[in-house]
Amino acid sequence: AVSSRGYVNALQQYRGALDRRNAALRDAARPGGGGARARAGIEAWEPALAEHGAYLWQARRAWVTTVASRYAERCAAIGERGDVELRYRSAIEPRDSGAPEAAVGALVDALAANRSSDLRHGVTRVGPHRDDLVMRLDHRELRTFGSAGQHRTAAIALRSLEAETLRNARAAAPVFLLDDPFAELDAGRSRRVLALLGDIGLGQTILAVPRDSDIPGALTSLPRFRIAGGRMDAGATT
């Protein structure tokens, strides 16, 4: 979604309105800061939050729906045997998720319903900034029940989809950087990660590892560079 100018604009506008509503909430919580005027200051930012938040909600939900099956396929390609799911979790659920005005209306209602609670906490507690991307394995949340290797598998699958989305939108492949991608992975999964990256064809890919011994044997034919003390030794290629 960050490849869309409309999304970036909506995100900037949403963050600006969110900061101002939160500031109004904090002001209202101060001694003598309450009353009708304070509430009006809080409510003033809610239409902008609803308008731009609905755009973000729809774009994020659409992206997750589009890539969910490929995410599961890539996790399986790396070696995950369980039932893998990718979902977008939100506190709002418009009756008609395909209608922009329905998402706007749902956010307007949610902001109004949570206004008193927001006043007590001094922060806006509903909206896309509180939504989450949920990864599940065998019907349980991966972040809670998954192993370190399963976390790494899911992260690589997800990042590859993000890079692919950006490449397709801009017709140019971004530099794809994976930091210590083989940590917590056995040799079999490491080999499958390399095969997956080759099949996807993301363009220039940089794999950073802390030790030579972390490099799988399948990478021995690729260029290597050593970085030490902030300097890169181009002579360390093989």
Protein backbone atom coordinates (compact mmCIF):
# COMPACT_ATOMS: atom_id res chain seq x y z
CA ALA A 1 0.00 0.00 0.00
CA VAL A 2 2.93 2.39 0.57
CA SER A 3 3.46 2.28 -3.20
CA SER A 4 0.24 4.31 -3.62
CA ARG A 5 0.40 8.09 -3.46
CA GLY A 6 -3.21 8.14 -2.32
CA TYR A 7 -2.34 5.86 0.58
CA VAL A 8 0.66 7.92 1.63
CA ASN A 9 -1.40 11.11 1.53
CA ALA A 10 -4.18 9.51 3.58
CA LEU A 11 -1.63 8.22 6.10
CA GLN A 12 -0.07 11.68 6.51
CA GLN A 13 -3.46 13.34 6.90
CA TYR A 14 -4.61 10.68 9.35
CA ARG A 15 -1.51 10.99 11.52
CA GLY A 16 -1.84 14.76 11.60
CA ALA A 17 -5.49 14.60 12.69
CA LEU A 18 -4.65 11.89 15.22
CA ASP A 19 -1.88 13.97 16.81
CA ARG A 20 -4.22 16.96 17.11
CA ARG A 21 -7.10 14.95 18.58
CA ASN A 22 -4.74 13.38 21.11
CA ALA A 23 -3.44 16.84 22.02
CA ALA A 24 -7.05 18.01 22.51
CA LEU A 25 -7.72 14.98 24.71
CA ARG A 26 -4.72 15.79 26.89
CA ASP A 27 -5.76 19.42 27.17
CA ALA A 28 -9.27 18.39 28.21
CA ALA A 29 -7.86 16.11 30.91
CA ARG A 30 -6.04 18.96 32.65
CA PRO A 31 -7.66 20.65 35.67
CA GLY A 32 -10.26 23.07 34.37
CA GLY A 33 -9.81 21.87 30.81
CA GLY A 34 -13.09 20.02 30.45
CA GLY A 35 -16.46 21.26 29.31
CA ALA A 36 -18.28 21.77 26.04
CA ARG A 37 -15.44 23.73 24.47
CA ALA A 38 -12.94 20.94 25.14
CA ARG A 39 -15.28 18.34 23.69
CA ALA A 40 -15.81 20.48 20.60
CA GLY A 41 -12.04 20.61 20.13
CA ILE A 42 -11.86 16.83 20.28
CA GLU A 43 -14.79 16.30 17.94
CA ALA A 44 -13.40 18.77 15.41
CA TRP A 45 -10.73 16.26 14.29
CA GLU A 46 -13.01 13.24 14.05
CA PRO A 47 -14.32 13.83 10.49
CA ALA A 48 -10.74 13.91 9.14
CA LEU A 49 -9.84 10.82 11.14
CA ALA A 50 -12.87 8.99 9.78
CA GLU A 51 -12.33 10.07 6.16
CA HIS A 52 -8.63 9.25 5.93
CA GLY A 53 -8.84 6.32 8.33
CA ALA A 54 -11.47 4.66 6.16
CA TYR A 55 -9.13 4.92 3.16
CA LEU A 56 -6.33 3.28 5.15
CA TRP A 57 -8.65 0.58 6.45
CA GLN A 58 -9.90 -0.35 3.00
CA ALA A 59 -6.44 -0.30 1.39
CA ARG A 60 -4.91 -2.47 4.10
CA ARG A 61 -7.78 -4.93 4.14
CA ALA A 62 -7.72 -5.20 0.34
CA TRP A 63 -3.96 -5.87 0.31
CA VAL A 64 -4.18 -8.58 2.95
CA THR A 65 -7.05 -10.22 1.10
CA THR A 66 -5.02 -10.16 -2.12
CA VAL A 67 -1.81 -11.66 -0.72
CA ALA A 68 -3.15 -14.04 1.96
CA SER A 69 -3.06 -17.15 -0.24
CA ARG A 70 0.44 -16.35 -1.56
CA TYR A 71 1.64 -15.77 1.99
CA ALA A 72 0.51 -19.28 2.92
CA GLU A 73 2.14 -20.69 -0.21
CA ARG A 74 5.47 -19.03 0.56
CA CYS A 75 5.48 -20.20 4.15
CA ALA A 76 4.87 -23.73 2.83
CA ALA A 77 7.64 -23.32 0.24
CA ILE A 78 10.10 -22.46 3.01
CA GLY A 79 9.04 -25.52 4.98
CA GLU A 80 6.03 -24.68 7.13
CA ARG A 81 3.68 -27.66 7.25
CA GLY A 82 0.92 -26.19 9.39
CA ASP A 83 -2.22 -24.32 8.37
CA VAL A 84 -1.06 -20.73 7.82
CA GLU A 85 -3.35 -17.69 7.79
CA LEU A 86 -2.86 -13.96 7.30
CA ARG A 87 -5.64 -11.65 8.51
CA TYR A 88 -6.28 -7.97 9.06
CA ARG A 89 -7.77 -7.38 12.50
CA SER A 90 -9.71 -4.19 13.16
CA ALA A 91 -12.07 -2.92 15.83
CA ILE A 92 -14.43 -1.65 13.14
CA GLU A 93 -16.41 -3.86 10.78
CA PRO A 94 -18.66 -1.90 8.39
CA ARG A 95 -21.76 -3.71 7.21
CA ASP A 96 -20.65 -3.16 3.61
CA SER A 97 -16.85 -3.40 3.59
CA GLY A 98 -16.73 -2.48 -0.10
CA ALA A 99 -18.47 0.87 0.33
CA PRO A 100 -16.20 3.79 1.32
CA GLU A 101 -19.04 5.63 3.02
CA ALA A 102 -19.76 2.57 5.18
CA ALA A 103 -16.16 2.55 6.50
CA VAL A 104 -16.33 6.30 7.14
CA GLY A 105 -19.61 5.91 9.01
CA ALA A 106 -18.27 3.02 11.09
CA LEU A 107 -15.26 5.10 12.15
CA VAL A 108 -17.43 8.13 12.95
CA ASP A 109 -19.60 5.95 15.18
CA ALA A 110 -16.62 4.27 16.83
CA LEU A 111 -14.90 7.57 17.61
CA ALA A 112 -18.09 8.97 19.13
CA ALA A 113 -18.73 5.82 21.16
CA ASN A 114 -15.19 5.83 22.56
CA ARG A 115 -14.93 9.57 23.22
CA SER A 116 -15.54 9.34 26.97
CA SER A 117 -13.05 6.47 27.31
CA ASP A 118 -10.51 8.39 25.24
CA LEU A 119 -10.93 11.35 27.56
CA ARG A 120 -10.10 9.18 30.58
CA HIS A 121 -7.02 7.71 28.92
CA GLY A 122 -5.90 10.86 27.10
CA VAL A 123 -5.42 9.08 23.80
CA THR A 124 -7.46 7.94 20.78
CA ARG A 125 -8.00 4.21 21.25
CA VAL A 126 -9.88 3.28 18.07
CA GLY A 127 -8.90 3.58 14.41
CA PRO A 128 -6.47 2.08 11.90
CA HIS A 129 -3.51 2.98 14.15
CA ARG A 130 -4.85 0.37 16.59
CA ASP A 131 -5.44 -2.32 13.96
CA ASP A 132 -3.14 -5.28 13.56
CA LEU A 133 -1.84 -7.77 11.02
CA VAL A 134 -2.48 -11.22 12.45
CA MET A 135 -0.51 -14.30 11.43
CA ARG A 136 -1.94 -17.62 12.56
CA LEU A 137 -0.54 -21.12 12.49
CA ASP A 138 -2.88 -24.05 13.01
CA HIS A 139 -5.55 -21.59 14.21
CA ARG A 140 -3.33 -20.08 16.92
CA GLU A 141 -1.55 -16.72 16.84
CA LEU A 142 1.97 -17.18 15.56
CA ARG A 143 3.48 -14.43 17.70
CA THR A 144 2.36 -16.25 20.86
CA PHE A 145 2.69 -19.92 19.99
CA GLY A 146 5.19 -20.04 17.12
CA SER A 147 8.84 -21.02 17.44
CA ALA A 148 11.68 -18.66 16.53
CA GLY A 149 12.13 -20.49 13.23
CA GLN A 150 8.44 -20.18 12.42
CA HIS A 151 8.57 -16.45 13.21
CA ARG A 152 11.52 -16.08 10.84
CA THR A 153 9.73 -18.05 8.12
CA ALA A 154 6.63 -15.87 8.40
CA ALA A 155 8.68 -12.65 8.38
CA ILE A 156 10.57 -13.59 5.21
CA ALA A 157 7.37 -14.62 3.43
CA LEU A 158 5.69 -11.35 4.41
CA ARG A 159 8.65 -9.13 3.45
CA SER A 160 8.92 -10.79 0.06
CA LEU A 161 5.26 -9.98 -0.62
CA GLU A 162 5.79 -6.36 0.41
CA ALA A 163 8.77 -6.06 -1.93
CA GLU A 164 6.83 -7.72 -4.74
CA THR A 165 3.91 -5.32 -4.21
CA LEU A 166 6.26 -2.34 -4.48
CA ARG A 167 7.94 -3.77 -7.58
CA ASN A 168 4.65 -4.37 -9.36
CA ALA A 169 3.29 -0.93 -8.52
CA ARG A 170 6.38 0.99 -9.61
CA ALA A 171 7.57 -1.30 -12.40
CA ALA A 172 11.00 -1.30 -10.74
CA ALA A 173 12.44 -3.73 -8.23
CA PRO A 174 13.50 -2.26 -4.88
CA VAL A 175 16.72 -3.30 -3.17
CA PHE A 176 15.66 -6.23 -0.99
CA LEU A 177 17.61 -6.47 2.29
CA LEU A 178 17.27 -9.33 4.76
CA ASP A 179 19.17 -8.97 8.02
CA ASP A 180 20.44 -12.30 9.41
CA PRO A 181 17.75 -14.24 7.51
CA PHE A 182 19.08 -17.71 8.39
CA ALA A 183 19.07 -17.24 12.16
CA GLU A 184 16.84 -19.83 13.84
CA LEU A 185 16.41 -21.72 10.55
CA ASP A 186 17.67 -25.24 9.93
CA ALA A 187 19.68 -26.05 6.80
CA GLY A 188 16.60 -27.25 4.93
CA ARG A 189 14.65 -24.04 5.46
CA SER A 190 17.70 -21.94 4.65
CA ARG A 191 18.05 -23.67 1.29
CA ARG A 192 14.34 -23.17 0.60
CA VAL A 193 14.60 -19.46 1.40
CA LEU A 194 17.31 -19.13 -1.25
CA ALA A 195 15.24 -21.11 -3.75
CA LEU A 196 12.19 -18.95 -3.03
CA LEU A 197 14.13 -15.71 -3.54
CA GLY A 198 15.45 -17.06 -6.82
CA ASP A 199 11.98 -18.06 -8.00
CA ILE A 200 10.43 -14.71 -7.08
CA GLY A 201 13.15 -12.71 -8.81
CA LEU A 202 13.02 -9.57 -6.68
CA GLY A 203 16.10 -8.05 -8.27
CA GLN A 204 19.06 -6.90 -6.20
CA THR A 205 18.96 -8.84 -2.94
CA ILE A 206 21.32 -8.29 -0.02
CA LEU A 207 21.61 -10.89 2.74
CA ALA A 208 23.48 -9.66 5.83
CA VAL A 209 24.85 -12.22 8.30
CA PRO A 210 27.11 -11.73 11.36
CA ARG A 211 29.43 -14.70 10.69
CA ASP A 212 30.80 -16.55 7.66
CA SER A 213 29.56 -19.80 9.16
CA ASP A 214 25.96 -18.52 8.90
CA ILE A 215 26.12 -18.58 5.09
CA PRO A 216 24.55 -21.75 3.63
CA GLY A 217 26.64 -23.75 1.21
CA ALA A 218 24.29 -22.83 -1.65
CA LEU A 219 25.56 -19.26 -1.43
CA THR A 220 29.22 -20.01 -2.02
CA SER A 221 29.05 -18.92 -5.66
CA LEU A 222 27.53 -15.51 -4.92
CA PRO A 223 29.55 -12.32 -4.32
CA ARG A 224 30.45 -11.66 -0.69
CA PHE A 225 31.51 -8.43 0.98
CA ARG A 226 32.86 -8.03 4.48
CA ILE A 227 31.90 -4.96 6.54
CA ALA A 228 34.00 -4.11 9.59
CA GLY A 229 34.34 -0.83 11.44
CA GLY A 230 31.89 0.81 9.10
CA ARG A 231 33.97 -0.02 6.01
CA MET A 232 33.21 -2.50 3.27
CA ASP A 233 35.99 -4.69 1.94
CA ALA A 234 35.18 -5.36 -1.72
CA GLY A 235 38.16 -7.69 -1.86
CA ALA A 236 36.31 -10.23 0.27
CA THR A 237 34.23 -11.47 -2.64
CA THR A 238 34.32 -15.13 -3.62
